[in-house]
Amino acid sequence: MQELKIPPNQKYVRNFIVYAEFGLPEVNLNSYKLKVSGEVENQVSLTYDDLLKMPM
């Protein structure tokens, strides 16, 4: 089993509850983009693969 990487002072919750009143949305991970904009020095757009490559 792969060792979990958890940030300092955090703990793993085995049975995390997700309340989705309108159901879980379907997300196409091939076209997913996270855009960080607004009052930031550098705006950035990240793909799902970009997020997975980031260190934890």
PDB file of N, CA and C in Angstrom:
ATOM      1  N   MET A   1       0.840  -1.185   0.000  1.00  0.00           N
ATOM      2  CA  MET A   1       0.000   0.000   0.000  1.00  0.00           C
ATOM      3  C   MET A   1       0.884   1.247   0.000  1.00  0.00           C
ATOM      4  N   GLN A   2       0.489   2.236  -0.779  1.00  0.00           N
ATOM      5  CA  GLN A   2       1.250   3.478  -0.876  1.00  0.00           C
ATOM      6  C   GLN A   2       1.050   4.316   0.389  1.00  0.00           C
ATOM      7  N   GLU A   3       2.140   4.891   0.881  1.00  0.00           N
ATOM      8  CA  GLU A   3       2.058   5.728   2.078  1.00  0.00           C
ATOM      9  C   GLU A   3       1.328   7.031   1.748  1.00  0.00           C
ATOM     10  N   LEU A   4       0.409   7.433   2.609  1.00  0.00           N
ATOM     11  CA  LEU A   4      -0.336   8.669   2.396  1.00  0.00           C
ATOM     12  C   LEU A   4       0.533   9.874   2.710  1.00  0.00           C
ATOM     13  N   LYS A   5       0.447  10.891   1.868  1.00  0.00           N
ATOM     14  CA  LYS A   5       1.157  12.141   2.119  1.00  0.00           C
ATOM     15  C   LYS A   5       0.136  13.133   2.661  1.00  0.00           C
ATOM     16  N   ILE A   6       0.296  13.493   3.899  1.00  0.00           N
ATOM     17  CA  ILE A   6      -0.646  14.389   4.562  1.00  0.00           C
ATOM     18  C   ILE A   6       0.122  15.614   5.041  1.00  0.00           C
ATOM     19  N   PRO A   7      -0.413  16.823   4.811  1.00  0.00           N
ATOM     20  CA  PRO A   7       0.265  18.033   5.278  1.00  0.00           C
ATOM     21  C   PRO A   7       0.472  18.012   6.788  1.00  0.00           C
ATOM     22  N   PRO A   8       1.478  18.741   7.271  1.00  0.00           N
ATOM     23  CA  PRO A   8       1.726  18.799   8.716  1.00  0.00           C
ATOM     24  C   PRO A   8       0.481  19.249   9.484  1.00  0.00           C
ATOM     25  N   ASN A   9       0.299  18.688  10.655  1.00  0.00           N
ATOM     26  CA  ASN A   9      -0.806  19.017  11.564  1.00  0.00           C
ATOM     27  C   ASN A   9      -2.189  18.665  11.007  1.00  0.00           C
ATOM     28  N   GLN A  10      -2.236  17.791  10.017  1.00  0.00           N
ATOM     29  CA  GLN A  10      -3.503  17.327   9.466  1.00  0.00           C
ATOM     30  C   GLN A  10      -3.631  15.842   9.768  1.00  0.00           C
ATOM     31  N   LYS A  11      -4.844  15.319   9.710  1.00  0.00           N
ATOM     32  CA  LYS A  11      -5.012  13.890   9.909  1.00  0.00           C
ATOM     33  C   LYS A  11      -5.950  13.328   8.857  1.00  0.00           C
ATOM     34  N   TYR A  12      -5.747  12.074   8.545  1.00  0.00           N
ATOM     35  CA  TYR A  12      -6.541  11.366   7.551  1.00  0.00           C
ATOM     36  C   TYR A  12      -7.900  11.010   8.145  1.00  0.00           C
ATOM     37  N   VAL A  13      -8.962  11.279   7.393  1.00  0.00           N
ATOM     38  CA  VAL A  13     -10.318  10.926   7.807  1.00  0.00           C
ATOM     39  C   VAL A  13     -10.797   9.814   6.878  1.00  0.00           C
ATOM     40  N   ARG A  14     -10.971   8.635   7.436  1.00  0.00           N
ATOM     41  CA  ARG A  14     -11.301   7.465   6.619  1.00  0.00           C
ATOM     42  C   ARG A  14     -12.705   7.557   6.013  1.00  0.00           C
ATOM     43  N   ASN A  15     -13.675   7.996   6.755  1.00  0.00           N
ATOM     44  CA  ASN A  15     -15.067   8.017   6.292  1.00  0.00           C
ATOM     45  C   ASN A  15     -15.561   9.444   6.104  1.00  0.00           C
ATOM     46  N   PHE A  16     -14.883  10.191   5.253  1.00  0.00           N
ATOM     47  CA  PHE A  16     -15.255  11.580   4.993  1.00  0.00           C
ATOM     48  C   PHE A  16     -16.627  11.618   4.323  1.00  0.00           C
ATOM     49  N   ILE A  17     -17.529  12.432   4.848  1.00  0.00           N
ATOM     50  CA  ILE A  17     -18.897  12.506   4.334  1.00  0.00           C
ATOM     51  C   ILE A  17     -19.001  13.658   3.344  1.00  0.00           C
ATOM     52  N   VAL A  18     -19.578  13.378   2.183  1.00  0.00           N
ATOM     53  CA  VAL A  18     -19.822  14.408   1.180  1.00  0.00           C
ATOM     54  C   VAL A  18     -21.333  14.575   1.066  1.00  0.00           C
ATOM     55  N   TYR A  19     -21.807  15.769   1.360  1.00  0.00           N
ATOM     56  CA  TYR A  19     -23.220  16.072   1.205  1.00  0.00           C
ATOM     57  C   TYR A  19     -23.403  16.735  -0.151  1.00  0.00           C
ATOM     58  N   ALA A  20     -24.091  16.077  -1.048  1.00  0.00           N
ATOM     59  CA  ALA A  20     -24.303  16.604  -2.389  1.00  0.00           C
ATOM     60  C   ALA A  20     -25.806  16.632  -2.642  1.00  0.00           C
ATOM     61  N   GLU A  21     -26.420  17.730  -2.285  1.00  0.00           N
ATOM     62  CA  GLU A  21     -27.870  17.849  -2.384  1.00  0.00           C
ATOM     63  C   GLU A  21     -28.366  17.649  -3.810  1.00  0.00           C
ATOM     64  N   PHE A  22     -27.580  18.113  -4.777  1.00  0.00           N
ATOM     65  CA  PHE A  22     -27.993  18.013  -6.176  1.00  0.00           C
ATOM     66  C   PHE A  22     -27.246  16.904  -6.912  1.00  0.00           C
ATOM     67  N   GLY A  23     -26.640  15.984  -6.179  1.00  0.00           N
ATOM     68  CA  GLY A  23     -25.873  14.906  -6.786  1.00  0.00           C
ATOM     69  C   GLY A  23     -24.442  15.343  -7.057  1.00  0.00           C
ATOM     70  N   LEU A  24     -23.594  14.374  -7.329  1.00  0.00           N
ATOM     71  CA  LEU A  24     -22.203  14.686  -7.625  1.00  0.00           C
ATOM     72  C   LEU A  24     -22.083  15.086  -9.088  1.00  0.00           C
ATOM     73  N   PRO A  25     -21.413  16.192  -9.366  1.00  0.00           N
ATOM     74  CA  PRO A  25     -21.280  16.626 -10.760  1.00  0.00           C
ATOM     75  C   PRO A  25     -20.334  15.698 -11.525  1.00  0.00           C
ATOM     76  N   GLU A  26     -20.586  15.543 -12.802  1.00  0.00           N
ATOM     77  CA  GLU A  26     -19.671  14.792 -13.649  1.00  0.00           C
ATOM     78  C   GLU A  26     -18.602  15.758 -14.136  1.00  0.00           C
ATOM     79  N   VAL A  27     -17.351  15.382 -13.975  1.00  0.00           N
ATOM     80  CA  VAL A  27     -16.239  16.247 -14.355  1.00  0.00           C
ATOM     81  C   VAL A  27     -15.378  15.517 -15.370  1.00  0.00           C
ATOM     82  N   ASN A  28     -15.135  16.162 -16.508  1.00  0.00           N
ATOM     83  CA  ASN A  28     -14.235  15.608 -17.511  1.00  0.00           C
ATOM     84  C   ASN A  28     -12.820  16.042 -17.146  1.00  0.00           C
ATOM     85  N   LEU A  29     -12.022  15.121 -16.622  1.00  0.00           N
ATOM     86  CA  LEU A  29     -10.684  15.465 -16.151  1.00  0.00           C
ATOM     87  C   LEU A  29      -9.734  15.804 -17.291  1.00  0.00           C
ATOM     88  N   ASN A  30     -10.077  15.428 -18.522  1.00  0.00           N
ATOM     89  CA  ASN A  30      -9.238  15.781 -19.668  1.00  0.00           C
ATOM     90  C   ASN A  30      -9.368  17.252 -20.045  1.00  0.00           C
ATOM     91  N   SER A  31     -10.505  17.865 -19.730  1.00  0.00           N
ATOM     92  CA  SER A  31     -10.700  19.273 -20.082  1.00  0.00           C
ATOM     93  C   SER A  31     -10.788  20.180 -18.848  1.00  0.00           C
ATOM     94  N   TYR A  32     -10.641  19.609 -17.653  1.00  0.00           N
ATOM     95  CA  TYR A  32     -10.748  20.372 -16.410  1.00  0.00           C
ATOM     96  C   TYR A  32      -9.638  21.408 -16.310  1.00  0.00           C
ATOM     97  N   LYS A  33      -9.981  22.623 -15.896  1.00  0.00           N
ATOM     98  CA  LYS A  33      -8.987  23.670 -15.642  1.00  0.00           C
ATOM     99  C   LYS A  33      -9.374  24.417 -14.376  1.00  0.00           C
ATOM    100  N   LEU A  34      -8.374  24.672 -13.553  1.00  0.00           N
ATOM    101  CA  LEU A  34      -8.542  25.496 -12.361  1.00  0.00           C
ATOM    102  C   LEU A  34      -7.895  26.831 -12.673  1.00  0.00           C
ATOM    103  N   LYS A  35      -8.675  27.895 -12.665  1.00  0.00           N
ATOM    104  CA  LYS A  35      -8.150  29.225 -12.971  1.00  0.00           C
ATOM    105  C   LYS A  35      -8.042  30.036 -11.692  1.00  0.00           C
ATOM    106  N   VAL A  36      -6.853  30.554 -11.441  1.00  0.00           N
ATOM    107  CA  VAL A  36      -6.604  31.413 -10.288  1.00  0.00           C
ATOM    108  C   VAL A  36      -6.421  32.815 -10.837  1.00  0.00           C
ATOM    109  N   SER A  37      -7.345  33.709 -10.478  1.00  0.00           N
ATOM    110  CA  SER A  37      -7.290  35.070 -11.009  1.00  0.00           C
ATOM    111  C   SER A  37      -7.843  36.033  -9.970  1.00  0.00           C
ATOM    112  N   GLY A  38      -7.846  37.279 -10.321  1.00  0.00           N
ATOM    113  CA  GLY A  38      -8.342  38.294  -9.392  1.00  0.00           C
ATOM    114  C   GLY A  38      -7.186  39.036  -8.773  1.00  0.00           C
ATOM    115  N   GLU A  39      -7.205  39.181  -7.469  1.00  0.00           N
ATOM    116  CA  GLU A  39      -6.164  39.944  -6.783  1.00  0.00           C
ATOM    117  C   GLU A  39      -4.950  39.070  -6.485  1.00  0.00           C
ATOM    118  N   VAL A  40      -4.326  38.581  -7.543  1.00  0.00           N
ATOM    119  CA  VAL A  40      -3.097  37.796  -7.447  1.00  0.00           C
ATOM    120  C   VAL A  40      -2.052  38.443  -8.345  1.00  0.00           C
ATOM    121  N   GLU A  41      -0.773  38.242  -8.030  1.00  0.00           N
ATOM    122  CA  GLU A  41       0.281  38.814  -8.865  1.00  0.00           C
ATOM    123  C   GLU A  41       0.299  38.187 -10.247  1.00  0.00           C
ATOM    124  N   ASN A  42       0.169  36.868 -10.303  1.00  0.00           N
ATOM    125  CA  ASN A  42       0.215  36.148 -11.576  1.00  0.00           C
ATOM    126  C   ASN A  42      -0.997  35.247 -11.703  1.00  0.00           C
ATOM    127  N   GLN A  43      -1.810  35.508 -12.717  1.00  0.00           N
ATOM    128  CA  GLN A  43      -2.939  34.626 -12.969  1.00  0.00           C
ATOM    129  C   GLN A  43      -2.406  33.325 -13.551  1.00  0.00           C
ATOM    130  N   VAL A  44      -3.069  32.228 -13.231  1.00  0.00           N
ATOM    131  CA  VAL A  44      -2.606  30.927 -13.704  1.00  0.00           C
ATOM    132  C   VAL A  44      -3.808  30.039 -14.005  1.00  0.00           C
ATOM    133  N   SER A  45      -3.638  29.168 -14.983  1.00  0.00           N
ATOM    134  CA  SER A  45      -4.645  28.174 -15.331  1.00  0.00           C
ATOM    135  C   SER A  45      -3.968  26.810 -15.269  1.00  0.00           C
ATOM    136  N   LEU A  46      -4.505  25.913 -14.455  1.00  0.00           N
ATOM    137  CA  LEU A  46      -3.892  24.607 -14.228  1.00  0.00           C
ATOM    138  C   LEU A  46      -4.824  23.496 -14.685  1.00  0.00           C
ATOM    139  N   THR A  47      -4.255  22.498 -15.345  1.00  0.00           N
ATOM    140  CA  THR A  47      -5.026  21.319 -15.716  1.00  0.00           C
ATOM    141  C   THR A  47      -5.036  20.352 -14.535  1.00  0.00           C
ATOM    142  N   TYR A  48      -5.842  19.320 -14.645  1.00  0.00           N
ATOM    143  CA  TYR A  48      -5.880  18.302 -13.594  1.00  0.00           C
ATOM    144  C   TYR A  48      -4.516  17.630 -13.467  1.00  0.00           C
ATOM    145  N   ASP A  49      -3.868  17.353 -14.600  1.00  0.00           N
ATOM    146  CA  ASP A  49      -2.530  16.746 -14.566  1.00  0.00           C
ATOM    147  C   ASP A  49      -1.520  17.663 -13.888  1.00  0.00           C
ATOM    148  N   ASP A  50      -1.632  18.981 -14.114  1.00  0.00           N
ATOM    149  CA  ASP A  50      -0.749  19.937 -13.431  1.00  0.00           C
ATOM    150  C   ASP A  50      -0.903  19.810 -11.917  1.00  0.00           C
ATOM    151  N   LEU A  51      -2.134  19.681 -11.466  1.00  0.00           N
ATOM    152  CA  LEU A  51      -2.396  19.566 -10.031  1.00  0.00           C
ATOM    153  C   LEU A  51      -1.816  18.274  -9.463  1.00  0.00           C
ATOM    154  N   LEU A  52      -1.927  17.187 -10.208  1.00  0.00           N
ATOM    155  CA  LEU A  52      -1.394  15.909  -9.732  1.00  0.00           C
ATOM    156  C   LEU A  52       0.126  15.922  -9.641  1.00  0.00           C
ATOM    157  N   LYS A  53       0.775  16.703 -10.486  1.00  0.00           N
ATOM    158  CA  LYS A  53       2.239  16.767 -10.499  1.00  0.00           C
ATOM    159  C   LYS A  53       2.806  17.627  -9.379  1.00  0.00           C
ATOM    160  N   MET A  54       1.962  18.420  -8.727  1.00  0.00           N
ATOM    161  CA  MET A  54       2.433  19.301  -7.654  1.00  0.00           C
ATOM    162  C   MET A  54       2.826  18.484  -6.429  1.00  0.00           C
ATOM    163  N   PRO A  55       3.891  18.923  -5.747  1.00  0.00           N
ATOM    164  CA  PRO A  55       4.276  18.224  -4.515  1.00  0.00           C
ATOM    165  C   PRO A  55       3.228  18.438  -3.429  1.00  0.00           C
ATOM    166  N   MET A  56       3.088  17.437  -2.585  1.00  0.00           N
ATOM    167  CA  MET A  56       2.136  17.566  -1.474  1.00  0.00           C
ATOM    168  C   MET A  56       2.836  18.085  -0.259  1.00  0.00           C
TER     169      MET A  56
END
